[in-house]
Amino acid sequence: MEFESLYRKYKNRERYGEILQTLSRHGFSFLLQRKGIRSVTYWKQRVLPKYPKPALTQGLAKHISLPQRVRLLFEDLGPSFVKMGQMLSTRPDLIPKNYADELGELQDGVSGFSSAEVRNQIVKAWGEPPEKIFQSFIYLPAASASIAQVHRAVLPDGNEVAVKIRRPNLNKLVEKDLAVLGDLQNILQRSILGQVCDVEEIYGVFSRQIRREMDFTVEALNMERFTELFKEEDIVVPKVYWDYTTEHILTMDWLEGEPLKNVIDKYEGSVQGQRFGELILKTVLLPSFRQGIFHGDPHPGNIFILDQSKLGLVDFGITGRLNEEFRFIVAELMIAISERDTCAVVDITKKLGIVTGKINEENLYQDISEMLDRTVGLSGAISFSKLINGMIEISINHGIKLPGSFFLLGKAMLTAEGTARRFYPDLDVVKVARPLAVQYIRAHLQPHFNREHFYRNSANIIKGLTAFPQDVARVIANLARGELMTIFVHRGLEPLYDKLDVVSSRLAISLIIVAMMISSALIILLDKPGYLLFGLISFIIASILGVWMVIGLIRDGRIR
């Protein structure tokens, strides 16, 4: 039996059993049941007798929907699965949209870990307790999430900082969960779950994302890039203190400001509210076009109002990246949508993704035209939320597989637009997006000379040209020694050869007939007694050959 063999060989049996027990408790054991395989409960009781029989809630399905049960299951499974649910909420191409919407409600708000564990993490990193490293350190966490929690501290030089500490043993727990999912993905792909989503792709995307998010040095590098990008804007990114930063601990400036959610009522509908709304949109759009990087989760909990005039941006664990080609297509798309150019949007949509089947061009045009009508409201302002949801729906219906970066960018834009419109409901998103898109396309198309790139490319060309004679000499030497062979094998091409022989013969005869007719006509036009008879005979022979060829084609059924 498949489950029994997995139980016996699996190293992390305890975690494996916990996951299976949680699936059973929430009524999802059917996912792992196939013909000839007994239930999860049966094998758990047989191989893991320490675990009690799960008590299923009889009326659970009557009170909440299946997507809600999935969300509760992810919350119960722990930090790794909470992150997986959050990732899946940005990918409605991998799971049904109603499940993606429900998983979007997953929150990181979990209980913090103890002061003793905080102390142990810092001692493990630098060999000394917080009291000797910092001038002061507050053990009570200022914020807590599934990956880490944040503490307030003061450095020896007097700078007030936020110390982000990763949960103890999180790496081991995540690797255990990834190992469990790796063992289960083949079974899940063949189960009911595999009929509605691609389990293998989900596993691959999630494993890459969570490993990056757990490495705080990656987040610190992202923060420095955003600091450079926003230096001319009223958007502040905390400074990173590298001497106090490791893979498990991130130390940065403490931003003293008001949480965004606390000041929405204060600025809603005002001129300052409009300015804040435009800045919130820029947190995603500006770095996307300039450097191909953007904050993947700009929700109100990650944004602060500083000095009643600036935005403070934190938590760069989820950061999206866009290649040059994708950024150019997105810029074209924004301009085409602002101009309501349906034909251009159709072409860009096909370029944006991978076409997996035959597309009905007329239906695609109609769907995009209707989407643009819904996207532009009565005020003429474009709604990004309707646009992105419409693009996703159209791509799924017409078999166009959009890249994963589109969904992460779309999720970030939906979050940013929703927050920005709470400050200013009539905010014109195109007014912010279009100038940045036009500026990017203008810079992209404008020729510019880069001396370093020129020297590097020239060096590569010279190196290739220098090596070319040696490569040619090596090939010739191998040929002379008989060490170079080209083998051509054909199978089933004999009918093709026969057809080509017939076609070439008929083509040669046709050219001869045409040449004879033209030459005969020219000879007859000379109107000389010696040549007239020869021209008539030649023309008659050419005509007979032509008629003979037409009869042969009719006989072979080539003329219908």
Protein backbone atom coordinates (compact mmCIF):
# COMPACT_ATOMS: atom_id res chain seq x y z
CA MET A 1 0.00 0.00 0.00
CA GLU A 2 1.24 3.47 -0.92
CA PHE A 3 0.50 5.25 2.38
CA GLU A 4 2.00 2.44 4.46
CA SER A 5 5.25 2.55 2.48
CA LEU A 6 5.42 6.32 2.91
CA TYR A 7 4.92 5.98 6.67
CA ARG A 8 7.67 3.37 6.94
CA LYS A 9 10.30 5.18 4.89
CA TYR A 10 9.55 8.72 5.97
CA LYS A 11 12.09 10.33 8.35
CA ASN A 12 9.77 12.97 9.84
CA ARG A 13 6.97 10.63 10.82
CA GLU A 14 5.73 12.88 13.61
CA ARG A 15 5.16 15.89 11.35
CA TYR A 16 3.80 13.64 8.62
CA GLY A 17 1.28 12.20 11.06
CA GLU A 18 0.29 15.66 12.30
CA ILE A 19 -0.50 16.79 8.76
CA LEU A 20 -2.53 13.68 8.02
CA GLN A 21 -4.39 14.02 11.32
CA THR A 22 -5.22 17.67 10.55
CA LEU A 23 -6.50 16.69 7.12
CA SER A 24 -8.77 14.11 8.72
CA ARG A 25 -9.96 16.50 11.44
CA HIS A 26 -11.07 19.00 8.83
CA GLY A 27 -12.74 16.32 6.74
CA PHE A 28 -10.19 16.26 3.91
CA SER A 29 -9.01 12.65 4.14
CA PHE A 30 -10.83 11.97 0.86
CA LEU A 31 -8.09 13.91 -0.93
CA LEU A 32 -5.62 11.13 -0.19
CA GLN A 33 -7.94 8.22 -0.95
CA ARG A 34 -7.81 6.35 -4.21
CA LYS A 35 -9.07 3.00 -5.35
CA GLY A 36 -7.29 0.24 -3.45
CA ILE A 37 -5.98 2.56 -0.73
CA ARG A 38 -7.49 2.65 2.75
CA SER A 39 -8.36 5.88 4.54
CA VAL A 40 -5.81 8.11 6.28
CA THR A 41 -7.46 7.35 9.62
CA TYR A 42 -6.89 3.61 9.11
CA TRP A 43 -3.15 3.95 8.49
CA LYS A 44 -2.72 6.56 11.21
CA GLN A 45 -4.25 4.26 13.78
CA ARG A 46 -2.22 1.31 12.52
CA VAL A 47 1.21 2.98 12.18
CA LEU A 48 0.85 5.90 14.61
CA PRO A 49 -1.13 4.47 17.49
CA LYS A 50 -0.30 7.43 19.76
CA TYR A 51 -2.64 9.66 17.80
CA PRO A 52 -6.29 9.48 18.91
CA LYS A 53 -9.11 8.84 16.52
CA PRO A 54 -10.04 12.19 14.91
CA ALA A 55 -13.37 13.61 15.92
CA LEU A 56 -14.92 15.17 12.83
CA THR A 57 -17.42 17.95 13.26
CA GLN A 58 -20.63 16.54 11.84
CA GLY A 59 -22.21 19.87 10.91
CA LEU A 60 -19.04 21.54 9.64
CA ALA A 61 -19.95 21.44 5.96
CA LYS A 62 -23.41 22.87 6.69
CA HIS A 63 -22.11 26.00 8.40
CA ILE A 64 -19.19 27.07 6.19
CA SER A 65 -18.26 26.64 2.54
CA LEU A 66 -15.55 24.34 1.23
CA PRO A 67 -13.15 27.24 0.42
CA GLN A 68 -13.56 28.47 4.01
CA ARG A 69 -12.76 25.00 5.29
CA VAL A 70 -9.60 25.02 3.16
CA ARG A 71 -8.56 28.35 4.70
CA LEU A 72 -9.13 27.03 8.23
CA LEU A 73 -7.15 23.91 7.33
CA PHE A 74 -4.17 26.00 6.19
CA GLU A 75 -4.30 28.06 9.39
CA ASP A 76 -4.29 24.88 11.47
CA LEU A 77 -1.39 23.30 9.57
CA GLY A 78 1.09 26.00 10.64
CA PRO A 79 3.35 28.77 9.26
CA SER A 80 4.48 26.96 6.10
CA PHE A 81 0.93 26.33 4.96
CA VAL A 82 -0.19 29.86 5.89
CA LYS A 83 2.50 31.14 3.52
CA MET A 84 1.43 28.63 0.90
CA GLY A 85 -2.16 29.85 1.18
CA GLN A 86 -1.05 33.45 0.81
CA MET A 87 0.98 32.53 -2.26
CA LEU A 88 -1.95 30.63 -3.78
CA SER A 89 -4.22 33.62 -3.23
CA THR A 90 -2.13 35.46 -5.84
CA ARG A 91 -2.39 32.64 -8.40
CA PRO A 92 -5.99 32.14 -9.57
CA ASP A 93 -4.49 30.41 -12.60
CA LEU A 94 -3.38 27.50 -10.37
CA ILE A 95 -6.50 27.15 -8.22
CA PRO A 96 -10.18 28.14 -8.68
CA LYS A 97 -10.82 31.85 -8.15
CA ASN A 98 -13.23 31.37 -5.22
CA TYR A 99 -10.51 29.46 -3.36
CA ALA A 100 -7.92 32.14 -4.21
CA ASP A 101 -10.23 34.87 -2.87
CA GLU A 102 -10.82 32.97 0.38
CA LEU A 103 -7.11 32.22 0.89
CA GLY A 104 -6.49 35.95 0.49
CA GLU A 105 -8.07 36.31 3.96
CA LEU A 106 -5.22 34.37 5.57
CA GLN A 107 -3.41 36.56 8.07
CA ASP A 108 0.04 36.30 9.62
CA GLY A 109 -1.28 37.29 13.04
CA VAL A 110 0.00 34.48 15.24
CA SER A 111 1.18 34.33 18.84
CA GLY A 112 4.77 35.42 19.43
CA PHE A 113 7.52 33.19 20.72
CA SER A 114 8.98 33.51 24.22
CA SER A 115 11.63 35.94 25.45
CA ALA A 116 13.93 33.01 26.18
CA GLU A 117 13.79 31.96 22.53
CA VAL A 118 14.42 35.56 21.42
CA ARG A 119 17.50 35.63 23.64
CA ASN A 120 18.72 32.27 22.32
CA GLN A 121 18.36 33.44 18.70
CA ILE A 122 20.53 36.52 19.33
CA VAL A 123 23.10 34.55 21.33
CA LYS A 124 23.30 31.99 18.53
CA ALA A 125 23.91 34.79 16.00
CA TRP A 126 26.52 36.88 17.87
CA GLY A 127 27.51 34.89 20.93
CA GLU A 128 26.17 37.49 23.37
CA PRO A 129 22.74 38.35 24.83
CA PRO A 130 20.75 41.40 23.61
CA GLU A 131 21.74 43.46 26.67
CA LYS A 132 25.40 43.44 25.61
CA ILE A 133 24.80 44.06 21.92
CA PHE A 134 22.15 46.79 22.15
CA GLN A 135 21.96 49.84 24.38
CA SER A 136 18.41 48.71 25.17
CA PHE A 137 16.19 45.90 23.93
CA ILE A 138 12.45 45.40 24.48
CA TYR A 139 11.55 41.72 24.69
CA LEU A 140 7.84 42.40 24.17
CA PRO A 141 7.33 42.04 20.40
CA ALA A 142 6.01 45.06 18.52
CA ALA A 143 4.60 42.78 15.81
CA SER A 144 4.40 39.05 15.22
CA ALA A 145 3.93 37.02 12.04
CA SER A 146 4.29 33.46 10.82
CA ILE A 147 7.91 33.93 9.72
CA ALA A 148 9.28 36.34 12.31
CA GLN A 149 8.50 38.88 14.99
CA VAL A 150 9.79 42.44 15.45
CA HIS A 151 11.34 43.95 18.60
CA ARG A 152 12.21 47.53 19.36
CA ALA A 153 15.80 48.30 20.37
CA VAL A 154 18.46 51.03 20.53
CA LEU A 155 21.95 50.60 19.09
CA PRO A 156 25.09 51.65 21.00
CA ASP A 157 25.31 54.82 18.87
CA GLY A 158 21.78 55.82 19.94
CA ASN A 159 19.90 54.95 16.75
CA GLU A 160 16.47 53.46 17.41
CA VAL A 161 15.99 50.27 15.41
CA ALA A 162 13.56 47.46 14.71
CA VAL A 163 15.02 43.97 15.11
CA LYS A 164 13.25 41.32 13.02
CA ILE A 165 13.96 37.84 14.40
CA ARG A 166 13.05 34.64 12.59
CA ARG A 167 11.06 32.06 14.51
CA PRO A 168 13.25 29.41 16.14
CA ASN A 169 13.53 26.10 14.27
CA LEU A 170 11.42 27.56 11.45
CA ASN A 171 13.89 26.36 8.82
CA LYS A 172 13.64 22.75 10.07
CA LEU A 173 9.83 22.94 10.19
CA VAL A 174 9.62 24.38 6.67
CA GLU A 175 12.00 21.75 5.29
CA LYS A 176 9.92 19.03 6.97
CA ASP A 177 6.75 20.43 5.43
CA LEU A 178 8.40 20.68 2.02
CA ALA A 179 9.58 17.08 2.35
CA VAL A 180 6.05 15.96 3.26
CA LEU A 181 4.58 17.87 0.32
CA GLY A 182 7.28 16.45 -1.95
CA ASP A 183 6.26 12.92 -0.97
CA LEU A 184 2.56 13.66 -1.25
CA GLN A 185 2.53 15.68 -4.49
CA ASN A 186 2.32 12.62 -6.76
CA ILE A 187 -0.57 11.20 -4.72
CA LEU A 188 -2.35 14.56 -4.56
CA GLN A 189 -1.92 15.09 -8.31
CA ARG A 190 -3.77 11.81 -8.94
CA SER A 191 -6.48 12.66 -6.41
CA ILE A 192 -9.52 14.92 -6.67
CA LEU A 193 -7.26 17.88 -5.91
CA GLY A 194 -5.20 17.23 -9.02
CA GLN A 195 -8.30 17.66 -11.16
CA VAL A 196 -8.67 21.36 -10.23
CA CYS A 197 -5.04 22.49 -9.90
CA ASP A 198 -1.45 21.67 -10.83
CA VAL A 199 0.02 20.30 -7.60
CA GLU A 200 3.55 20.00 -8.99
CA GLU A 201 3.68 23.65 -10.10
CA ILE A 202 2.24 24.82 -6.79
CA TYR A 203 4.94 22.90 -4.92
CA GLY A 204 7.70 24.36 -7.09
CA VAL A 205 6.51 27.97 -6.80
CA PHE A 206 5.93 27.72 -3.04
CA SER A 207 9.27 26.07 -2.20
CA ARG A 208 11.20 28.79 -4.05
CA GLN A 209 9.21 31.63 -2.49
CA ILE A 210 9.33 30.52 1.14
CA ARG A 211 13.06 29.76 1.05
CA ARG A 212 13.74 33.27 -0.27
CA GLU A 213 11.45 34.83 2.32
CA MET A 214 13.22 33.09 5.21
CA ASP A 215 16.62 34.55 4.22
CA PHE A 216 16.69 38.05 5.73
CA THR A 217 19.86 39.02 3.84
CA VAL A 218 17.82 38.84 0.62
CA GLU A 219 15.19 41.11 2.16
CA ALA A 220 17.90 43.53 3.32
CA LEU A 221 19.36 43.74 -0.21
CA ASN A 222 15.87 44.44 -1.56
CA MET A 223 15.44 47.25 0.97
CA GLU A 224 18.63 48.92 -0.19
CA ARG A 225 17.46 48.81 -3.81
CA PHE A 226 14.13 50.37 -2.87
CA THR A 227 15.89 53.05 -0.83
CA GLU A 228 17.80 54.12 -3.94
CA LEU A 229 14.66 54.06 -6.10
CA PHE A 230 12.58 56.18 -3.71
CA LYS A 231 15.27 58.70 -2.75
CA GLU A 232 13.58 61.46 -4.82
CA GLU A 233 10.06 60.55 -3.65
CA ASP A 234 8.29 61.07 -0.33
CA ILE A 235 8.53 57.33 0.34
CA VAL A 236 10.86 56.17 3.10
CA VAL A 237 12.42 52.70 3.36
CA PRO A 238 14.19 51.82 6.65
CA LYS A 239 17.99 51.82 6.59
CA VAL A 240 19.60 48.40 7.05
CA TYR A 241 22.35 47.96 9.66
CA TRP A 242 24.51 45.22 8.17
CA ASP A 243 26.68 44.79 11.27
CA TYR A 244 23.55 43.66 13.11
CA THR A 245 22.00 41.64 10.27
CA THR A 246 22.28 37.92 9.53
CA GLU A 247 20.29 35.33 7.64
CA HIS A 248 18.02 34.95 10.72
CA ILE A 249 18.00 38.52 12.11
CA LEU A 250 17.37 41.82 10.30
CA THR A 251 18.10 45.15 11.98
CA MET A 252 16.73 48.33 10.41
CA ASP A 253 15.64 51.85 11.31
CA TRP A 254 12.57 52.15 13.48
CA LEU A 255 9.95 54.18 11.60
CA GLU A 256 8.00 56.36 13.99
CA GLY A 257 4.66 57.04 12.37
CA GLU A 258 0.97 56.35 12.32
CA PRO A 259 -0.31 53.10 10.80
CA LEU A 260 -2.10 53.79 7.55
CA LYS A 261 -5.38 52.24 8.70
CA ASN A 262 -5.56 54.70 11.61
CA VAL A 263 -5.48 57.87 9.48
CA ILE A 264 -7.71 56.97 6.53
CA ASP A 265 -10.74 58.76 8.01
CA LYS A 266 -8.59 61.82 8.71
CA TYR A 267 -7.45 62.32 5.10
CA GLU A 268 -10.27 60.67 3.13
CA GLY A 269 -11.38 62.77 0.15
CA SER A 270 -8.97 65.64 0.87
CA VAL A 271 -6.15 67.00 -1.29
CA GLN A 272 -3.64 65.36 1.07
CA GLY A 273 -5.61 62.15 0.79
CA GLN A 274 -5.27 62.29 -3.01
CA ARG A 275 -1.52 62.82 -2.64
CA PHE A 276 -1.19 59.85 -0.29
CA GLY A 277 -3.24 57.72 -2.69
CA GLU A 278 -0.91 58.58 -5.59
CA LEU A 279 2.13 57.78 -3.44
CA ILE A 280 0.67 54.38 -2.53
CA LEU A 281 0.29 53.54 -6.23
CA LYS A 282 3.85 54.68 -6.86
CA THR A 283 5.17 52.22 -4.29
CA VAL A 284 4.34 49.51 -6.84
CA LEU A 285 4.44 51.25 -10.24
CA LEU A 286 7.60 53.37 -9.98
CA PRO A 287 10.10 50.60 -9.06
CA SER A 288 8.37 48.19 -11.46
CA PHE A 289 9.19 50.35 -14.48
CA ARG A 290 12.54 51.69 -13.34
CA GLN A 291 14.23 48.54 -12.02
CA GLY A 292 11.77 45.68 -12.59
CA ILE A 293 11.20 45.15 -8.87
CA PHE A 294 8.16 45.86 -6.69
CA HIS A 295 6.81 45.42 -3.16
CA GLY A 296 4.65 42.31 -3.31
CA ASP A 297 2.41 43.07 -0.32
CA PRO A 298 1.64 46.81 0.07
CA HIS A 299 -1.30 46.36 2.46
CA PRO A 300 -2.12 49.05 5.11
CA GLY A 301 -0.24 47.15 7.84
CA ASN A 302 3.04 47.62 5.93
CA ILE A 303 2.65 51.37 5.30
CA PHE A 304 2.97 54.24 7.78
CA ILE A 305 2.41 58.00 7.63
CA LEU A 306 5.58 59.83 8.67
CA ASP A 307 5.55 63.49 9.68
CA GLN A 308 2.05 63.80 8.14
CA SER A 309 3.69 64.10 4.70
CA LYS A 310 5.65 60.95 3.83
CA LEU A 311 4.97 57.23 3.50
CA GLY A 312 7.05 54.65 5.33
CA LEU A 313 7.24 51.23 3.69
CA VAL A 314 8.25 48.03 5.56
CA ASP A 315 8.31 44.23 5.14
CA PHE A 316 10.05 43.40 1.88
CA GLY A 317 9.92 39.64 2.36
CA ILE A 318 7.69 39.25 -0.71
CA THR A 319 9.31 41.12 -3.60
CA GLY A 320 8.40 40.63 -7.24
CA ARG A 321 10.80 40.87 -10.16
CA LEU A 322 10.02 41.64 -13.81
CA ASN A 323 12.28 41.06 -16.79
CA GLU A 324 12.82 43.68 -19.49
CA GLU A 325 10.46 42.10 -22.02
CA PHE A 326 7.62 41.76 -19.51
CA ARG A 327 7.99 45.38 -18.33
CA PHE A 328 7.82 46.65 -21.91
CA ILE A 329 4.67 44.63 -22.60
CA VAL A 330 3.04 45.90 -19.37
CA ALA A 331 3.88 49.49 -20.34
CA GLU A 332 2.34 48.95 -23.78
CA LEU A 333 -0.72 47.39 -22.15
CA MET A 334 -1.27 50.36 -19.83
CA ILE A 335 -1.01 52.84 -22.71
CA ALA A 336 -3.33 50.77 -24.93
CA ILE A 337 -5.90 50.46 -22.14
CA SER A 338 -5.79 54.18 -21.37
CA GLU A 339 -6.50 54.83 -25.08
CA ARG A 340 -9.09 52.00 -25.17
CA ASP A 341 -7.36 50.47 -28.18
CA THR A 342 -9.04 47.04 -28.23
CA CYS A 343 -6.99 45.64 -31.12
CA ALA A 344 -3.74 46.57 -29.39
CA VAL A 345 -4.93 45.01 -26.11
CA VAL A 346 -5.78 41.78 -27.96
CA ASP A 347 -2.29 41.58 -29.50
CA ILE A 348 -0.57 42.46 -26.21
CA THR A 349 -2.61 39.86 -24.30
CA LYS A 350 -1.38 37.13 -26.65
CA LYS A 351 2.21 38.38 -26.32
CA LEU A 352 1.92 38.57 -22.55
CA GLY A 353 1.34 34.85 -22.05
CA ILE A 354 1.80 31.47 -23.70
CA VAL A 355 -1.02 30.41 -26.00
CA THR A 356 -1.82 26.79 -25.12
CA GLY A 357 -4.53 26.17 -27.72
CA LYS A 358 -6.30 27.55 -30.75
CA ILE A 359 -7.79 30.98 -30.07
CA ASN A 360 -11.09 32.19 -31.47
CA GLU A 361 -10.00 35.69 -32.49
CA GLU A 362 -13.53 37.06 -32.74
CA ASN A 363 -14.55 35.85 -29.27
CA LEU A 364 -11.28 37.14 -27.77
CA TYR A 365 -11.88 40.57 -29.32
CA GLN A 366 -15.44 40.71 -27.99
CA ASP A 367 -14.40 39.62 -24.48
CA ILE A 368 -11.61 42.20 -24.29
CA SER A 369 -13.88 44.92 -25.67
CA GLU A 370 -16.48 44.14 -22.99
CA MET A 371 -13.76 44.05 -20.32
CA LEU A 372 -12.58 47.53 -21.32
CA ASP A 373 -16.16 48.81 -21.14
CA ARG A 374 -16.47 47.43 -17.58
CA THR A 375 -13.02 48.70 -16.61
CA VAL A 376 -13.78 52.33 -17.44
CA GLY A 377 -16.38 53.69 -15.05
CA LEU A 378 -18.85 56.51 -15.56
CA SER A 379 -16.21 59.02 -14.47
CA GLY A 380 -13.80 57.73 -17.12
CA ALA A 381 -11.32 56.50 -14.48
CA ILE A 382 -9.91 53.03 -15.06
CA SER A 383 -10.32 50.45 -12.30
CA PHE A 384 -7.23 48.25 -12.04
CA SER A 385 -9.10 45.68 -9.99
CA LYS A 386 -11.66 45.13 -12.77
CA LEU A 387 -8.90 45.19 -15.37
CA ILE A 388 -6.70 42.57 -13.70
CA ASN A 389 -9.60 40.30 -12.80
CA GLY A 390 -10.88 40.63 -16.36
CA MET A 391 -7.48 39.81 -17.83
CA ILE A 392 -7.17 36.72 -15.64
CA GLU A 393 -10.66 35.52 -16.55
CA ILE A 394 -10.03 36.06 -20.27
CA SER A 395 -6.65 34.28 -20.17
CA ILE A 396 -8.17 31.25 -18.43
CA ASN A 397 -11.17 31.09 -20.79
CA HIS A 398 -9.06 31.39 -23.95
CA GLY A 399 -6.17 29.12 -22.95
CA ILE A 400 -3.52 31.83 -22.49
CA LYS A 401 -1.13 30.95 -19.67
CA LEU A 402 0.02 34.20 -18.08
CA PRO A 403 3.40 34.31 -16.29
CA GLY A 404 3.50 34.09 -12.49
CA SER A 405 4.95 37.61 -12.25
CA PHE A 406 1.71 38.97 -13.75
CA PHE A 407 -0.35 37.54 -10.89
CA LEU A 408 2.00 38.82 -8.18
CA LEU A 409 2.08 42.27 -9.82
CA GLY A 410 -1.70 42.13 -10.23
CA LYS A 411 -2.19 41.23 -6.57
CA ALA A 412 0.12 44.08 -5.49
CA MET A 413 -1.72 46.54 -7.74
CA LEU A 414 -5.12 45.40 -6.46
CA THR A 415 -3.96 45.90 -2.86
CA ALA A 416 -2.38 49.28 -3.60
CA GLU A 417 -5.38 50.55 -5.57
CA GLY A 418 -7.83 49.40 -2.89
CA THR A 419 -5.86 51.22 -0.19
CA ALA A 420 -5.34 54.33 -2.35
CA ARG A 421 -9.07 54.62 -3.15
CA ARG A 422 -9.88 54.55 0.56
CA PHE A 423 -7.95 57.81 0.80
CA TYR A 424 -9.41 59.27 -2.40
CA PRO A 425 -12.33 57.35 -3.98
CA ASP A 426 -12.13 59.25 -7.30
CA LEU A 427 -8.40 58.66 -7.74
CA ASP A 428 -7.38 58.45 -11.42
CA VAL A 429 -5.04 55.46 -11.59
CA VAL A 430 -4.11 56.16 -15.22
CA LYS A 431 -2.93 59.64 -14.26
CA VAL A 432 -0.24 57.96 -12.13
CA ALA A 433 0.47 54.91 -14.30
CA ARG A 434 0.51 56.35 -17.83
CA PRO A 435 3.37 58.89 -17.39
CA LEU A 436 5.57 56.19 -15.85
CA ALA A 437 4.75 53.77 -18.68
CA VAL A 438 5.43 56.41 -21.37
CA GLN A 439 8.67 57.43 -19.67
CA TYR A 440 9.80 53.80 -19.56
CA ILE A 441 9.02 53.14 -23.24
CA ARG A 442 10.74 56.39 -24.28
CA ALA A 443 13.86 55.47 -22.30
CA HIS A 444 13.72 51.91 -23.61
CA LEU A 445 13.56 52.98 -27.26
CA GLN A 446 16.03 55.85 -26.99
CA PRO A 447 19.49 54.77 -28.18
CA HIS A 448 22.22 55.28 -25.60
CA PHE A 449 25.89 54.44 -25.50
CA ASN A 450 27.24 52.56 -22.51
CA ARG A 451 31.02 52.42 -22.55
CA GLU A 452 31.29 49.42 -20.22
CA HIS A 453 28.78 47.38 -22.24
CA PHE A 454 30.54 48.35 -25.47
CA TYR A 455 33.95 47.22 -24.18
CA ARG A 456 32.55 43.97 -22.80
CA ASN A 457 30.69 43.11 -26.02
CA SER A 458 33.72 44.05 -28.12
CA ALA A 459 35.95 41.82 -25.99
CA ASN A 460 33.56 38.90 -26.45
CA ILE A 461 33.44 39.44 -30.24
CA ILE A 462 37.23 39.65 -30.51
CA LYS A 463 37.61 36.54 -28.37
CA GLY A 464 35.15 34.65 -30.58
CA LEU A 465 36.88 35.79 -33.80
CA THR A 466 40.27 34.79 -32.37
CA ALA A 467 39.03 31.32 -31.51
CA PHE A 468 37.23 30.84 -34.84
CA PRO A 469 40.31 29.81 -36.94
CA GLN A 470 41.34 27.32 -34.25
CA ASP A 471 37.85 25.82 -34.22
CA VAL A 472 37.85 25.52 -38.02
CA ALA A 473 41.33 23.93 -38.00
CA ARG A 474 40.18 21.46 -35.33
CA VAL A 475 37.14 20.47 -37.41
CA ILE A 476 39.27 20.03 -40.55
CA ALA A 477 41.83 17.94 -38.64
CA ASN A 478 39.08 15.70 -37.28
CA LEU A 479 37.68 15.36 -40.80
CA ALA A 480 41.11 14.44 -42.19
CA ARG A 481 41.61 11.77 -39.53
CA GLY A 482 38.15 10.41 -40.24
CA GLU A 483 36.94 11.30 -36.77
CA LEU A 484 34.18 13.58 -37.99
CA MET A 485 31.12 11.89 -39.36
CA THR A 486 27.69 13.08 -40.32
CA ILE A 487 25.04 10.42 -40.16
CA PHE A 488 21.69 10.96 -41.84
CA VAL A 489 19.02 8.35 -41.32
CA HIS A 490 15.61 8.56 -42.92
CA ARG A 491 12.60 6.37 -42.33
CA GLY A 492 9.41 6.35 -44.33
CA LEU A 493 10.60 8.98 -46.82
CA GLU A 494 10.46 6.74 -49.92
CA PRO A 495 6.96 7.94 -50.95
CA LEU A 496 8.19 11.51 -50.64
CA TYR A 497 11.17 10.76 -52.87
CA ASP A 498 8.84 9.25 -55.50
CA LYS A 499 6.58 12.29 -55.41
CA LEU A 500 9.54 14.65 -55.69
CA ASP A 501 10.80 12.65 -58.72
CA VAL A 502 7.41 12.95 -60.44
CA VAL A 503 7.09 16.65 -59.63
CA SER A 504 10.61 17.46 -60.86
CA SER A 505 10.02 15.53 -64.12
CA ARG A 506 6.74 17.32 -64.81
CA LEU A 507 8.32 20.65 -63.96
CA ALA A 508 11.19 20.00 -66.41
CA ILE A 509 8.78 18.99 -69.22
CA SER A 510 6.64 22.09 -68.51
CA LEU A 511 9.69 24.36 -68.85
CA ILE A 512 10.64 22.64 -72.14
CA ILE A 513 7.10 23.08 -73.53
CA VAL A 514 7.03 26.76 -72.57
CA ALA A 515 10.47 27.33 -74.11
CA MET A 516 9.43 25.58 -77.34
CA MET A 517 6.21 27.59 -77.65
CA ILE A 518 7.97 30.92 -77.04
CA SER A 519 10.81 30.14 -79.45
CA SER A 520 8.35 28.85 -82.11
CA ALA A 521 6.26 31.99 -81.83
CA LEU A 522 9.36 34.17 -82.28
CA ILE A 523 10.50 32.14 -85.31
CA ILE A 524 7.05 32.42 -86.95
CA LEU A 525 7.07 36.20 -86.38
CA LEU A 526 10.30 36.45 -88.43
CA ASP A 527 8.13 35.59 -91.50
CA LYS A 528 11.01 34.01 -93.45
CA PRO A 529 10.27 31.06 -95.80
CA GLY A 530 13.15 28.91 -94.48
CA TYR A 531 12.21 29.32 -90.83
CA LEU A 532 8.39 29.41 -91.02
CA LEU A 533 7.96 25.63 -91.47
CA PHE A 534 10.41 24.86 -88.66
CA GLY A 535 8.53 27.22 -86.30
CA LEU A 536 5.14 25.67 -87.11
CA ILE A 537 6.44 22.11 -86.52
CA SER A 538 8.03 23.12 -83.21
CA PHE A 539 4.85 24.85 -82.03
CA ILE A 540 2.71 21.79 -82.97
CA ILE A 541 5.07 19.45 -81.03
CA ALA A 542 4.93 21.74 -77.96
CA SER A 543 1.13 21.84 -78.14
CA ILE A 544 0.93 18.03 -78.38
CA LEU A 545 3.24 17.67 -75.35
CA GLY A 546 1.10 20.17 -73.43
CA VAL A 547 -2.11 18.32 -74.22
CA TRP A 548 -0.43 15.02 -73.31
CA MET A 549 0.60 16.42 -69.91
CA VAL A 550 -2.90 17.75 -69.18
CA ILE A 551 -4.41 14.34 -70.09
CA GLY A 552 -1.93 12.67 -67.73
CA LEU A 553 -2.86 15.04 -64.88
CA ILE A 554 -6.57 14.40 -65.46
CA ARG A 555 -5.98 10.65 -65.53
CA ASP A 556 -4.06 10.84 -62.18
CA GLY A 557 -6.85 12.90 -60.64
CA ARG A 558 -4.58 15.91 -60.10
CA ILE A 559 -7.03 18.31 -61.75
CA ARG A 560 -10.40 18.57 -60.06
